[in-house]
Amino acid sequence: MSQTFVTVARFQYSSEAQIIKGRLEADGIEVFLRDNITIDTDPLVSNAIGGVKLKVLAQDENKAKDILKSIKEYSVDDEGQPIICPNCKQEHIDLYSTIKDFKSMMSFLIGFLFGTLPFSTRYQYVCEDCKTEFPVK
């Protein structure tokens, strides 16, 4: 059997990753967290380094993904109803921040250089099923 670890999830903060790690370990899956100490030291670098990576042995990848899918929370609107993908009509929608224009890039650079929070952030929804990106209303 292969002793190679594969990344099955990424989290912005290590506390989220620790909760999921505990859940997977309770089901007998060996889990390794990467970059959690770096992000605990400076949480503002989380997006820059890709967050905390939750890794499992390659042989446990499918089992871990099934568990993650069964407990994952997706985006909901103001009334608590799931947000629907305009393309495939599925409910597996995540919210993420993006740097796609000059204003958000400059905001990120100024925040990074001066150790401040960004003053302009763009958010998008992305469908996990068809990878369609659409704006937040």
Protein backbone atom coordinates (compact mmCIF):
# COMPACT_ATOMS: atom_id res chain seq x y z
CA MET A 1 0.00 0.00 0.00
CA SER A 2 1.08 3.53 -0.75
CA GLN A 3 2.08 5.73 2.17
CA THR A 4 1.53 8.89 0.11
CA PHE A 5 -0.65 11.65 1.53
CA VAL A 6 -3.12 13.49 -0.72
CA THR A 7 -4.93 16.76 -0.01
CA VAL A 8 -8.67 16.26 0.40
CA ALA A 9 -9.65 19.69 1.78
CA ARG A 10 -8.35 23.20 2.47
CA PHE A 11 -9.42 25.50 5.30
CA GLN A 12 -8.79 29.18 5.96
CA TYR A 13 -8.16 28.62 9.68
CA SER A 14 -6.59 25.71 11.54
CA SER A 15 -9.50 25.48 14.00
CA GLU A 16 -11.79 24.37 11.15
CA ALA A 17 -9.21 21.83 10.01
CA GLN A 18 -8.77 20.48 13.56
CA ILE A 19 -12.51 19.80 13.87
CA ILE A 20 -12.59 17.86 10.60
CA LYS A 21 -9.35 16.08 11.51
CA GLY A 22 -10.99 14.82 14.70
CA ARG A 23 -14.02 13.59 12.77
CA LEU A 24 -11.88 11.67 10.25
CA GLU A 25 -9.65 10.18 12.95
CA ALA A 26 -12.76 8.98 14.77
CA ASP A 27 -13.50 6.91 11.66
CA GLY A 28 -10.00 5.44 11.65
CA ILE A 29 -8.49 7.64 8.93
CA GLU A 30 -4.94 8.86 9.48
CA VAL A 31 -4.84 12.65 8.97
CA PHE A 32 -1.97 15.12 8.50
CA LEU A 33 -2.35 18.91 8.55
CA ARG A 34 0.00 21.10 6.55
CA ASP A 35 0.66 24.84 7.06
CA ASN A 36 -1.50 24.97 10.20
CA ILE A 37 1.31 26.34 12.39
CA THR A 38 2.19 29.00 9.82
CA ILE A 39 -1.43 30.17 9.70
CA ASP A 40 -1.75 30.06 13.50
CA THR A 41 1.27 32.35 13.66
CA ASP A 42 -0.07 34.81 11.05
CA PRO A 43 -3.69 34.22 9.92
CA LEU A 44 -3.46 36.93 7.25
CA VAL A 45 -1.24 34.72 5.08
CA SER A 46 -3.86 31.97 4.85
CA ASN A 47 -5.12 32.93 1.38
CA ALA A 48 -1.61 33.57 0.11
CA ILE A 49 -0.37 30.05 0.93
CA GLY A 50 -3.57 28.23 0.13
CA GLY A 51 -4.90 27.70 3.64
CA VAL A 52 -4.48 24.71 5.94
CA LYS A 53 -4.25 21.54 3.88
CA LEU A 54 -5.96 18.44 5.27
CA LYS A 55 -4.17 15.37 3.95
CA VAL A 56 -5.01 11.68 4.22
CA LEU A 57 -3.32 8.53 2.97
CA ALA A 58 -4.05 7.93 -0.72
CA GLN A 59 -5.79 4.65 0.12
CA ASP A 60 -8.27 6.54 2.37
CA GLU A 61 -8.97 9.41 -0.06
CA ASN A 62 -12.41 8.27 -1.25
CA LYS A 63 -13.62 7.38 2.25
CA ALA A 64 -12.45 10.78 3.56
CA LYS A 65 -14.14 12.66 0.69
CA ASP A 66 -17.39 10.81 1.33
CA ILE A 67 -17.29 11.81 5.00
CA LEU A 68 -16.46 15.42 4.12
CA LYS A 69 -19.31 15.59 1.62
CA SER A 70 -21.77 14.26 4.20
CA ILE A 71 -20.92 16.98 6.76
CA LYS A 72 -20.10 19.97 4.57
CA GLU A 73 -22.17 23.13 4.90
CA TYR A 74 -22.93 25.08 1.76
CA SER A 75 -23.96 28.67 1.17
CA VAL A 76 -27.48 29.81 1.98
CA ASP A 77 -29.35 33.05 1.28
CA ASP A 78 -30.76 35.51 3.84
CA GLU A 79 -33.82 33.32 4.41
CA GLY A 80 -31.72 30.20 5.07
CA GLN A 81 -32.53 28.58 1.72
CA PRO A 82 -29.69 26.94 -0.23
CA ILE A 83 -28.25 28.98 -3.08
CA ILE A 84 -28.83 27.26 -6.43
CA CYS A 85 -26.28 27.18 -9.26
CA PRO A 86 -27.67 29.05 -12.29
CA ASN A 87 -25.99 26.55 -14.62
CA CYS A 88 -26.58 23.03 -13.24
CA LYS A 89 -29.27 23.84 -10.60
CA GLN A 90 -27.31 22.06 -7.83
CA GLU A 91 -26.97 23.29 -4.23
CA HIS A 92 -23.24 22.65 -3.65
CA ILE A 93 -22.23 26.32 -3.66
CA ASP A 94 -19.26 27.85 -1.82
CA LEU A 95 -18.39 31.50 -1.23
CA TYR A 96 -14.82 32.61 -1.86
CA SER A 97 -12.88 35.84 -2.22
CA THR A 98 -11.12 36.62 -5.42
CA ILE A 99 -8.47 38.95 -6.79
CA LYS A 100 -9.38 39.48 -10.43
CA ASP A 101 -9.23 43.22 -11.00
CA PHE A 102 -6.71 45.99 -10.45
CA LYS A 103 -8.49 47.46 -7.41
CA SER A 104 -8.58 44.20 -5.46
CA MET A 105 -4.97 43.41 -6.44
CA MET A 106 -3.76 46.79 -5.17
CA SER A 107 -5.80 46.34 -1.99
CA PHE A 108 -4.17 42.96 -1.40
CA LEU A 109 -0.65 44.33 -2.02
CA ILE A 110 -1.13 47.34 0.26
CA GLY A 111 -2.57 45.11 2.97
CA PHE A 112 0.31 42.66 2.59
CA LEU A 113 3.02 45.35 2.64
CA PHE A 114 1.63 47.29 5.59
CA GLY A 115 0.14 44.41 7.56
CA THR A 116 -3.41 45.75 7.37
CA LEU A 117 -6.67 44.19 6.30
CA PRO A 118 -7.69 44.65 2.67
CA PHE A 119 -10.12 47.52 2.09
CA SER A 120 -11.59 46.12 -1.13
CA THR A 121 -12.48 42.46 -1.48
CA ARG A 122 -14.54 40.84 -4.20
CA TYR A 123 -16.59 37.76 -3.39
CA GLN A 124 -17.96 35.16 -5.79
CA TYR A 125 -19.94 31.96 -5.49
CA VAL A 126 -18.60 28.81 -7.15
CA CYS A 127 -20.50 25.60 -7.80
CA GLU A 128 -18.56 22.51 -6.71
CA ASP A 129 -20.35 20.34 -9.28
CA CYS A 130 -19.92 22.29 -12.54
CA LYS A 131 -17.32 24.89 -11.38
CA THR A 132 -19.52 27.78 -12.53
CA GLU A 133 -18.61 31.11 -10.89
CA PHE A 134 -21.32 33.69 -10.34
CA PRO A 135 -21.49 36.96 -8.38
CA VAL A 136 -22.87 37.54 -4.92
CA LYS A 137 -26.16 39.47 -5.10
